[in-house]
Amino acid sequence: MDLGIAGRKAIVCASSRGLGRACAFRLAEAGCEVVVNGLDPARLEQTAAEIRAKTGAEVHAVAANVATKEGQDALFKACPEPDILIGNNAGPPFRDFRELDREKMIAGVIGNFIAPVELIQRAIEPMTKKKFGRIVNITSGSVKMPLVGLDLSSGARAGLTAFLAGVARSVAQHNITINFVLPGQFLTDRLRSNNELTAKKAGVPVEQIETQKKNAIPAKRFGDPDEFGAACAFLCSSQAGFITGQNLLIDGGIFPGAF
């Protein structure tokens, strides 16, 4: 399927690996010029090189922390007028809410609420002038089904969702869409490390933890990052212009609701 976005410029935050990388790859495959981003320069350059080699797309690597003004400046220096913006950032680690002091809570809100809004503030006017914009925020399945220990992440991302729900309606007339993709358990480095940590604490083999988690998912497997990237790319397509302010939950059916 031709997504109709060849030649468009895209910024994909936190895309040196995992779900962000999958989104960047799929957009490059669709013919976009892509800015990839991460904190580790070596890993980021490797990702950029792999995407170039496999897709032939123009790919720029920007090593920066998107939660900082300096990091955001670097992204927009590489791509001053993006047509597509994929908001993504690591969430706070598992932690009992009693252990969250003010400093930790502020950092979590900055990373998962304030920074995405700041990026959109910078991208929205060029999109409005061009009458085209696709904004996708990668949040979490915990927005719909909060998990104990991820309270800060769930709260900050849910706040972002509510904040941008109104913004999405205010810019829809300019062919700008703002949507959210909520991942469940995908086979990424973060999931692997979480499984290893859980297994170590429980004193059991990591394979046992993986099996338990898979069995709790109706699809009986973890998600493939590539299928996540494909869904994200579709929301950025020319055909998706009538979809805005929506939450796409991709979790293999684990959320037990109809709506």
Protein backbone atom coordinates (compact mmCIF):
# COMPACT_ATOMS: atom_id res chain seq x y z
CA MET A 1 0.00 0.00 0.00
CA ASP A 2 1.35 3.42 -0.98
CA LEU A 3 1.01 5.62 2.10
CA GLY A 4 1.24 8.80 0.04
CA ILE A 5 3.96 10.38 2.16
CA ALA A 6 7.06 9.95 -0.03
CA GLY A 7 9.20 13.08 0.25
CA ARG A 8 7.74 14.10 3.60
CA LYS A 9 10.09 14.99 6.46
CA ALA A 10 9.76 13.16 9.77
CA ILE A 11 11.23 13.52 13.25
CA VAL A 12 11.09 10.31 15.26
CA CYS A 13 12.08 10.76 18.90
CA ALA A 14 13.87 8.03 20.85
CA SER A 15 14.35 5.93 17.71
CA SER A 16 17.78 4.35 18.03
CA ARG A 17 16.13 1.08 19.07
CA GLY A 18 12.84 -0.54 20.01
CA LEU A 19 9.47 0.82 18.96
CA GLY A 20 10.83 4.20 17.89
CA ARG A 21 13.32 2.51 15.56
CA ALA A 22 10.53 0.43 14.05
CA CYS A 23 8.52 3.59 13.35
CA ALA A 24 11.52 5.32 11.78
CA PHE A 25 12.21 2.31 9.56
CA ARG A 26 8.63 2.12 8.30
CA LEU A 27 8.50 5.85 7.55
CA ALA A 28 11.81 5.64 5.69
CA GLU A 29 10.44 2.65 3.78
CA ALA A 30 7.46 4.83 2.78
CA GLY A 31 9.84 7.36 1.25
CA CYS A 32 10.18 9.89 4.07
CA GLU A 33 13.33 11.78 4.97
CA VAL A 34 13.81 10.81 8.60
CA VAL A 35 15.56 12.27 11.64
CA VAL A 36 16.38 9.53 14.14
CA ASN A 37 17.20 10.35 17.72
CA GLY A 38 18.72 8.77 20.81
CA LEU A 39 21.17 9.28 23.65
CA ASP A 40 23.90 6.84 22.57
CA PRO A 41 25.71 8.34 19.53
CA ALA A 42 27.30 5.05 18.45
CA ARG A 43 24.06 3.07 18.57
CA LEU A 44 22.20 5.92 16.89
CA GLU A 45 24.66 6.09 13.99
CA GLN A 46 24.40 2.34 13.56
CA THR A 47 20.61 2.57 13.41
CA ALA A 48 20.75 5.40 10.88
CA ALA A 49 23.18 3.44 8.71
CA GLU A 50 20.99 0.31 8.81
CA ILE A 51 17.87 2.25 7.83
CA ARG A 52 19.72 3.96 4.96
CA ALA A 53 21.09 0.66 3.70
CA LYS A 54 17.72 -1.13 3.80
CA THR A 55 15.49 1.66 2.48
CA GLY A 56 17.70 4.07 0.53
CA ALA A 57 16.12 6.94 2.46
CA GLU A 58 17.87 10.09 3.63
CA VAL A 59 18.38 9.63 7.38
CA HIS A 60 19.86 12.13 9.83
CA ALA A 61 21.07 11.10 13.27
CA VAL A 62 20.64 13.56 16.14
CA ALA A 63 22.04 12.48 19.51
CA ALA A 64 20.06 14.50 22.05
CA ASN A 65 17.76 14.34 25.06
CA VAL A 66 14.30 15.35 23.79
CA ALA A 67 13.25 16.37 27.30
CA THR A 68 15.68 19.32 27.21
CA LYS A 69 15.51 22.58 25.28
CA GLU A 70 18.97 21.89 23.87
CA GLY A 71 17.86 18.51 22.61
CA GLN A 72 14.74 19.93 21.00
CA ASP A 73 16.80 22.69 19.38
CA ALA A 74 19.06 20.05 17.85
CA LEU A 75 16.11 18.13 16.41
CA PHE A 76 14.58 21.19 14.82
CA LYS A 77 17.93 22.36 13.50
CA ALA A 78 18.13 19.07 11.61
CA CYS A 79 14.51 19.36 10.46
CA PRO A 80 13.06 22.87 10.93
CA GLU A 81 9.66 22.08 9.39
CA PRO A 82 8.67 18.45 9.93
CA ASP A 83 5.58 17.08 8.23
CA ILE A 84 5.51 14.16 10.65
CA LEU A 85 6.39 14.11 14.35
CA ILE A 86 6.58 10.92 16.38
CA GLY A 87 6.71 11.73 20.09
CA ASN A 88 8.46 9.07 22.14
CA ASN A 89 10.50 8.97 25.31
CA ALA A 90 11.42 6.42 27.95
CA GLY A 91 9.11 6.34 30.93
CA PRO A 92 10.01 6.36 34.62
CA PRO A 93 11.15 2.98 35.99
CA PHE A 94 8.96 0.70 38.10
CA ARG A 95 8.76 2.26 41.54
CA ASP A 96 6.35 2.19 44.49
CA PHE A 97 4.46 5.50 44.54
CA ARG A 98 5.67 6.05 48.13
CA GLU A 99 9.20 6.34 46.79
CA LEU A 100 8.31 9.19 44.43
CA ASP A 101 9.61 12.47 45.77
CA ARG A 102 8.91 15.82 44.12
CA GLU A 103 12.06 15.74 42.00
CA LYS A 104 11.25 12.30 40.54
CA MET A 105 7.67 13.31 39.80
CA ILE A 106 8.71 16.51 38.06
CA ALA A 107 11.22 14.61 35.92
CA GLY A 108 8.53 12.10 34.92
CA VAL A 109 6.05 14.81 33.99
CA ILE A 110 8.68 16.68 31.98
CA GLY A 111 9.68 13.58 30.03
CA ASN A 112 6.24 12.18 29.31
CA PHE A 113 4.00 15.25 29.27
CA ILE A 114 5.78 18.57 28.93
CA ALA A 115 8.41 17.60 26.36
CA PRO A 116 5.90 16.15 23.85
CA VAL A 117 3.77 19.29 24.13
CA GLU A 118 6.83 21.50 23.59
CA LEU A 119 7.77 19.56 20.45
CA ILE A 120 4.26 19.94 19.07
CA GLN A 121 4.25 23.66 19.84
CA ARG A 122 7.30 24.03 17.58
CA ALA A 123 5.99 21.82 14.78
CA ILE A 124 2.39 22.97 14.56
CA GLU A 125 2.78 26.31 12.74
CA PRO A 126 4.80 24.94 9.79
CA MET A 127 2.29 22.09 9.51
CA THR A 128 -0.58 24.60 9.52
CA LYS A 129 0.99 26.62 6.71
CA LYS A 130 1.53 23.49 4.59
CA LYS A 131 -1.94 22.11 5.35
CA PHE A 132 -0.42 18.77 6.30
CA GLY A 133 0.72 17.34 9.59
CA ARG A 134 0.79 13.94 11.22
CA ILE A 135 1.61 13.73 14.93
CA VAL A 136 1.72 10.39 16.69
CA ASN A 137 2.59 10.03 20.36
CA ILE A 138 3.78 6.67 21.62
CA THR A 139 2.33 6.37 25.11
CA SER A 140 1.50 3.07 26.83
CA GLY A 141 -1.21 0.50 27.33
CA SER A 142 -1.07 1.58 30.98
CA VAL A 143 -2.95 4.75 29.98
CA LYS A 144 -6.05 2.56 29.66
CA MET A 145 -5.06 -0.11 32.18
CA PRO A 146 -2.79 1.45 34.84
CA LEU A 147 -0.22 -0.87 36.39
CA VAL A 148 0.96 -0.70 39.99
CA GLY A 149 4.53 0.58 39.98
CA LEU A 150 4.05 2.56 36.77
CA ASP A 151 1.82 5.15 38.40
CA LEU A 152 3.94 8.14 37.38
CA SER A 153 4.25 6.96 33.79
CA SER A 154 0.53 6.21 33.56
CA GLY A 155 -0.43 9.54 35.08
CA ALA A 156 1.87 11.68 32.94
CA ARG A 157 0.91 9.93 29.71
CA ALA A 158 -2.80 10.02 30.53
CA GLY A 159 -2.44 13.74 31.19
CA LEU A 160 -0.77 14.18 27.79
CA THR A 161 -3.61 12.26 26.14
CA ALA A 162 -6.28 14.50 27.67
CA PHE A 163 -4.31 17.67 26.94
CA LEU A 164 -3.83 16.84 23.26
CA ALA A 165 -7.37 15.54 22.75
CA GLY A 166 -8.58 19.14 22.64
CA VAL A 167 -5.60 20.34 20.63
CA ALA A 168 -6.29 17.64 18.02
CA ARG A 169 -9.76 19.03 17.37
CA SER A 170 -8.46 22.58 17.11
CA VAL A 171 -6.05 21.81 14.26
CA ALA A 172 -7.98 19.14 12.35
CA GLN A 173 -9.28 21.69 9.83
CA HIS A 174 -5.68 22.20 8.64
CA ASN A 175 -5.23 18.50 7.75
CA ILE A 176 -3.21 17.97 10.92
CA THR A 177 -3.92 14.86 12.95
CA ILE A 178 -2.81 14.01 16.47
CA ASN A 179 -3.14 10.40 17.57
CA PHE A 180 -1.74 8.04 20.17
CA VAL A 181 -0.41 4.50 19.87
CA LEU A 182 -0.54 2.52 23.11
CA PRO A 183 1.83 -0.46 23.12
CA GLY A 184 1.40 -3.53 25.23
CA GLN A 185 4.29 -5.98 25.64
CA PHE A 186 6.56 -5.85 22.61
CA LEU A 187 9.79 -7.78 22.20
CA THR A 188 12.21 -4.91 22.82
CA ASP A 189 15.39 -4.50 24.83
CA ARG A 190 13.37 -2.92 27.62
CA LEU A 191 11.01 -5.89 27.86
CA ARG A 192 13.93 -8.30 27.90
CA SER A 193 15.67 -6.39 30.69
CA ASN A 194 12.43 -6.17 32.71
CA ASN A 195 11.93 -9.91 32.34
CA GLU A 196 15.49 -10.59 33.46
CA LEU A 197 15.09 -8.34 36.48
CA THR A 198 11.79 -9.97 37.43
CA ALA A 199 13.32 -13.44 37.08
CA LYS A 200 16.31 -12.48 39.20
CA LYS A 201 14.11 -11.12 42.00
CA ALA A 202 11.91 -14.23 41.92
CA GLY A 203 14.87 -16.59 41.69
CA VAL A 204 13.48 -18.36 38.62
CA PRO A 205 14.66 -18.80 35.01
CA VAL A 206 13.84 -15.89 32.70
CA GLU A 207 12.08 -18.33 30.35
CA GLN A 208 9.54 -18.98 33.09
CA ILE A 209 8.74 -15.28 33.40
CA GLU A 210 8.44 -14.96 29.62
CA THR A 211 6.06 -17.90 29.45
CA GLN A 212 3.90 -16.50 32.24
CA LYS A 213 3.65 -13.13 30.51
CA LYS A 214 2.86 -14.65 27.11
CA ASN A 215 0.15 -16.85 28.61
CA ALA A 216 -1.52 -13.74 30.04
CA ILE A 217 -1.84 -12.27 26.54
CA PRO A 218 -4.75 -13.63 24.47
CA ALA A 219 -2.49 -13.67 21.37
CA LYS A 220 -0.07 -15.87 23.38
CA ARG A 221 2.97 -13.97 22.17
CA PHE A 222 4.83 -10.70 22.52
CA GLY A 223 4.36 -8.05 19.88
CA ASP A 224 6.81 -7.62 17.00
CA PRO A 225 8.14 -4.02 16.89
CA ASP A 226 7.77 -4.04 13.10
CA GLU A 227 3.99 -4.46 13.30
CA PHE A 228 3.91 -1.53 15.71
CA GLY A 229 5.93 0.55 13.24
CA ALA A 230 3.53 -0.34 10.44
CA ALA A 231 0.53 0.85 12.47
CA CYS A 232 2.30 4.08 13.32
CA ALA A 233 3.22 4.67 9.68
CA PHE A 234 -0.39 4.21 8.59
CA LEU A 235 -1.51 6.90 11.04
CA CYS A 236 1.02 9.17 9.30
CA SER A 237 -0.31 8.36 5.84
CA SER A 238 -2.31 10.56 3.52
CA GLN A 239 -5.17 8.06 3.88
CA ALA A 240 -5.41 8.62 7.64
CA GLY A 241 -6.44 12.27 7.50
CA PHE A 242 -9.87 11.57 8.99
CA ILE A 243 -8.46 9.85 12.08
CA THR A 244 -7.56 12.23 14.89
CA GLY A 245 -7.65 12.39 18.67
CA GLN A 246 -7.71 8.60 18.87
CA ASN A 247 -5.93 5.99 20.98
CA LEU A 248 -4.83 2.85 19.13
CA LEU A 249 -4.18 0.09 21.65
CA ILE A 250 -1.85 -2.61 20.33
CA ASP A 251 -1.55 -5.22 23.08
CA GLY A 252 -2.57 -8.61 21.69
CA GLY A 253 -5.96 -8.34 23.38
CA ILE A 254 -4.84 -8.10 27.00
CA PHE A 255 -7.04 -5.09 27.80
CA PRO A 256 -10.38 -6.71 28.74
CA GLY A 257 -12.70 -4.01 27.42
CA ALA A 258 -14.90 -3.40 24.38
CA PHE A 259 -14.19 0.35 24.18
